[in-house]
Amino acid sequence: MITSRYLRLRSWQFVAQSLCVLISAALACPRLAPADELVPNPTATESGVKYVEAHEQLIVELYVRDVKRSTSFYEKLGFKAVRTESDFVELGWDDSRLYLEQIPGQPDPPATLVANVRIMVPDVDRYWKLCQEMKLPVQRAIGDRYYGLRDFTVVSPDGIGLRFAAKLGKKATP
């Protein structure tokens, strides 16, 4: 017999698979790191012109249980509401966008994270302090990482990881 817990888990697995495709590029720093390589643009016109700018190409939309509560949460972290409707909010962070849509009957978030959104900031320690003051659940404590970032991951009320990060002057060792 299929239980409602099983269906909620399968629902979140589907969300996770969909988000994993988009999440890493959606709110990441719009400039490429030196080691990153450009990939062919499948939406370029025959003349090679982009169909849309990079910050418009991949945008994550999160399905939330309470759009007002989620909007308030993200605004406390520094996001700005760009457009607000009764069940939809477009949030901005620099040139990047994050969409929130309230879906009736949205299940509770899973016990484990399915994805995280990286948010590049110049002073990651300030955001660590803010998240501590907000008493957010910590997935990964602040630290210098071997991949050249100082970062941490906290969990949003809707079960999405938020990874705040700043570039290190010199890469840490693994």
Protein backbone atom coordinates (compact mmCIF):
# COMPACT_ATOMS: atom_id res chain seq x y z
CA MET A 1 0.00 0.00 0.00
CA ILE A 2 1.32 3.43 -0.90
CA THR A 3 1.35 5.77 2.08
CA SER A 4 1.01 9.55 2.03
CA ARG A 5 4.56 9.75 3.49
CA TYR A 6 5.83 7.75 0.51
CA LEU A 7 4.02 10.07 -1.92
CA ARG A 8 5.45 13.16 -0.21
CA LEU A 9 8.94 11.65 -0.42
CA ARG A 10 8.48 10.84 -4.13
CA SER A 11 7.20 14.39 -4.69
CA TRP A 12 10.33 15.84 -3.09
CA GLN A 13 12.55 13.47 -5.06
CA PHE A 14 11.00 14.83 -8.25
CA VAL A 15 11.57 18.39 -7.02
CA ALA A 16 15.16 17.49 -6.17
CA GLN A 17 15.85 16.08 -9.61
CA SER A 18 14.38 19.18 -11.26
CA LEU A 19 16.22 21.61 -9.00
CA CYS A 20 19.58 19.90 -9.30
CA VAL A 21 19.61 20.75 -13.00
CA LEU A 22 19.06 24.46 -12.37
CA ILE A 23 20.14 25.30 -8.85
CA SER A 24 23.91 25.66 -9.24
CA ALA A 25 23.67 28.29 -11.97
CA ALA A 26 20.54 30.13 -10.90
CA LEU A 27 21.88 32.34 -8.13
CA ALA A 28 25.60 31.79 -8.47
CA CYS A 29 27.86 34.72 -9.13
CA PRO A 30 27.11 35.80 -12.72
CA ARG A 31 30.81 36.07 -13.61
CA LEU A 32 32.69 32.90 -14.44
CA ALA A 33 35.52 31.72 -12.22
CA PRO A 34 38.87 31.38 -14.03
CA ALA A 35 38.61 27.58 -14.11
CA ASP A 36 35.09 27.59 -15.56
CA GLU A 37 34.67 26.99 -19.26
CA LEU A 38 31.99 28.36 -21.55
CA VAL A 39 29.71 25.76 -23.05
CA PRO A 40 27.87 26.11 -26.34
CA ASN A 41 24.61 28.05 -26.01
CA PRO A 42 21.77 25.89 -27.35
CA THR A 43 19.45 28.93 -27.56
CA ALA A 44 21.80 31.14 -29.58
CA THR A 45 20.53 32.36 -32.91
CA GLU A 46 22.30 31.42 -36.13
CA SER A 47 24.39 34.59 -35.83
CA GLY A 48 25.51 33.46 -32.35
CA VAL A 49 23.48 36.07 -30.49
CA LYS A 50 22.09 34.94 -27.13
CA TYR A 51 18.33 34.55 -26.91
CA VAL A 52 18.34 36.04 -23.38
CA GLU A 53 21.02 37.30 -21.00
CA ALA A 54 22.62 34.76 -18.66
CA HIS A 55 20.79 36.02 -15.57
CA GLU A 56 17.45 35.41 -17.34
CA GLN A 57 18.30 31.97 -18.70
CA LEU A 58 18.13 29.76 -15.59
CA ILE A 59 15.82 30.86 -12.80
CA VAL A 60 14.76 28.62 -9.95
CA GLU A 61 11.13 28.72 -8.86
CA LEU A 62 10.47 27.30 -5.42
CA TYR A 63 7.06 25.91 -4.56
CA VAL A 64 6.28 27.09 -1.04
CA ARG A 65 3.52 26.50 1.48
CA ASP A 66 3.12 30.15 2.51
CA VAL A 67 4.41 32.75 0.04
CA LYS A 68 4.13 35.64 2.52
CA ARG A 69 6.14 33.82 5.20
CA SER A 70 8.75 32.68 2.65
CA THR A 71 9.03 36.20 1.18
CA SER A 72 9.58 37.68 4.64
CA PHE A 73 12.25 35.06 5.33
CA TYR A 74 14.19 35.82 2.13
CA GLU A 75 13.87 39.59 2.63
CA LYS A 76 15.49 39.27 6.08
CA LEU A 77 18.46 37.68 4.32
CA GLY A 78 18.78 40.57 1.84
CA PHE A 79 16.64 39.53 -1.12
CA LYS A 80 14.40 42.25 -2.56
CA ALA A 81 10.83 41.70 -3.77
CA VAL A 82 10.78 42.72 -7.44
CA ARG A 83 7.22 41.64 -8.22
CA THR A 84 4.48 40.49 -5.86
CA GLU A 85 1.18 38.77 -6.64
CA SER A 86 -1.21 36.93 -4.34
CA ASP A 87 0.50 33.54 -4.76
CA PHE A 88 3.75 34.45 -6.55
CA VAL A 89 6.78 36.60 -5.71
CA GLU A 90 9.82 37.41 -7.83
CA LEU A 91 12.83 38.05 -5.60
CA GLY A 92 16.04 39.73 -6.71
CA TRP A 93 19.65 39.44 -5.58
CA ASP A 94 21.87 41.62 -7.75
CA ASP A 95 21.02 40.57 -11.32
CA SER A 96 19.74 37.12 -10.28
CA ARG A 97 16.15 36.13 -9.63
CA LEU A 98 14.44 33.59 -7.40
CA TYR A 99 10.74 32.86 -7.84
CA LEU A 100 8.43 31.74 -5.04
CA GLU A 101 5.03 30.26 -5.84
CA GLN A 102 2.49 29.17 -3.27
CA ILE A 103 1.04 25.80 -4.21
CA PRO A 104 -2.04 24.56 -2.30
CA GLY A 105 -1.44 21.25 -0.54
CA GLN A 106 2.34 21.53 -0.72
CA PRO A 107 3.79 18.77 1.52
CA ASP A 108 6.12 19.41 4.42
CA PRO A 109 9.79 19.54 3.38
CA PRO A 110 11.74 16.29 3.57
CA ALA A 111 13.97 15.56 6.56
CA THR A 112 17.10 15.82 4.39
CA LEU A 113 18.10 18.54 1.94
CA VAL A 114 17.59 17.86 -1.73
CA ALA A 115 19.45 20.91 -3.07
CA ASN A 116 21.04 24.20 -2.12
CA VAL A 117 21.28 27.62 -3.68
CA ARG A 118 24.69 29.28 -3.52
CA ILE A 119 24.64 33.00 -2.78
CA MET A 120 27.96 34.81 -3.23
CA VAL A 121 28.53 37.61 -0.71
CA PRO A 122 31.58 39.78 0.08
CA ASP A 123 31.33 39.23 3.87
CA VAL A 124 30.19 35.67 4.56
CA ASP A 125 30.86 36.00 8.30
CA ARG A 126 28.21 38.75 8.52
CA TYR A 127 25.65 36.39 6.95
CA TRP A 128 26.73 33.58 9.27
CA LYS A 129 25.98 35.87 12.23
CA LEU A 130 22.61 36.90 10.73
CA CYS A 131 21.59 33.27 10.17
CA GLN A 132 22.62 32.43 13.73
CA GLU A 133 20.46 35.31 15.01
CA MET A 134 17.55 33.98 12.91
CA LYS A 135 18.15 30.55 14.52
CA LEU A 136 18.18 28.80 11.15
CA PRO A 137 19.00 25.09 11.08
CA VAL A 138 22.64 24.63 10.07
CA GLN A 139 23.41 21.98 7.48
CA ARG A 140 27.11 22.82 7.25
CA ALA A 141 28.91 25.21 9.60
CA ILE A 142 31.04 28.05 8.32
CA GLY A 143 34.53 27.15 7.19
CA ASP A 144 37.26 27.63 4.60
CA ARG A 145 36.90 25.01 1.88
CA TYR A 146 39.45 23.41 -0.41
CA TYR A 147 37.52 24.68 -3.47
CA GLY A 148 38.43 28.28 -2.70
CA LEU A 149 35.37 29.48 -0.80
CA ARG A 150 34.52 30.26 2.80
CA ASP A 151 30.92 29.10 3.11
CA PHE A 152 28.11 27.62 5.17
CA THR A 153 24.71 26.09 4.47
CA VAL A 154 21.47 26.72 6.36
CA VAL A 155 17.97 25.39 5.74
CA SER A 156 15.04 27.58 4.66
CA PRO A 157 11.53 27.07 6.07
CA ASP A 158 10.65 25.32 2.79
CA GLY A 159 13.48 22.80 3.06
CA ILE A 160 15.92 24.34 0.57
CA GLY A 161 19.56 24.76 1.52
CA LEU A 162 21.01 28.25 1.26
CA ARG A 163 24.77 28.25 0.91
CA PHE A 164 26.31 31.65 1.54
CA ALA A 165 29.88 31.89 0.25
CA ALA A 166 32.77 34.29 -0.28
CA LYS A 167 35.94 33.76 -2.26
CA LEU A 168 39.08 32.97 -0.30
CA GLY A 169 42.27 34.85 -1.08
CA LYS A 170 44.09 31.55 -1.37
CA LYS A 171 42.54 28.09 -1.73
CA ALA A 172 42.44 26.03 1.43
CA THR A 173 43.76 22.47 1.39
CA PRO A 174 41.33 19.52 1.44
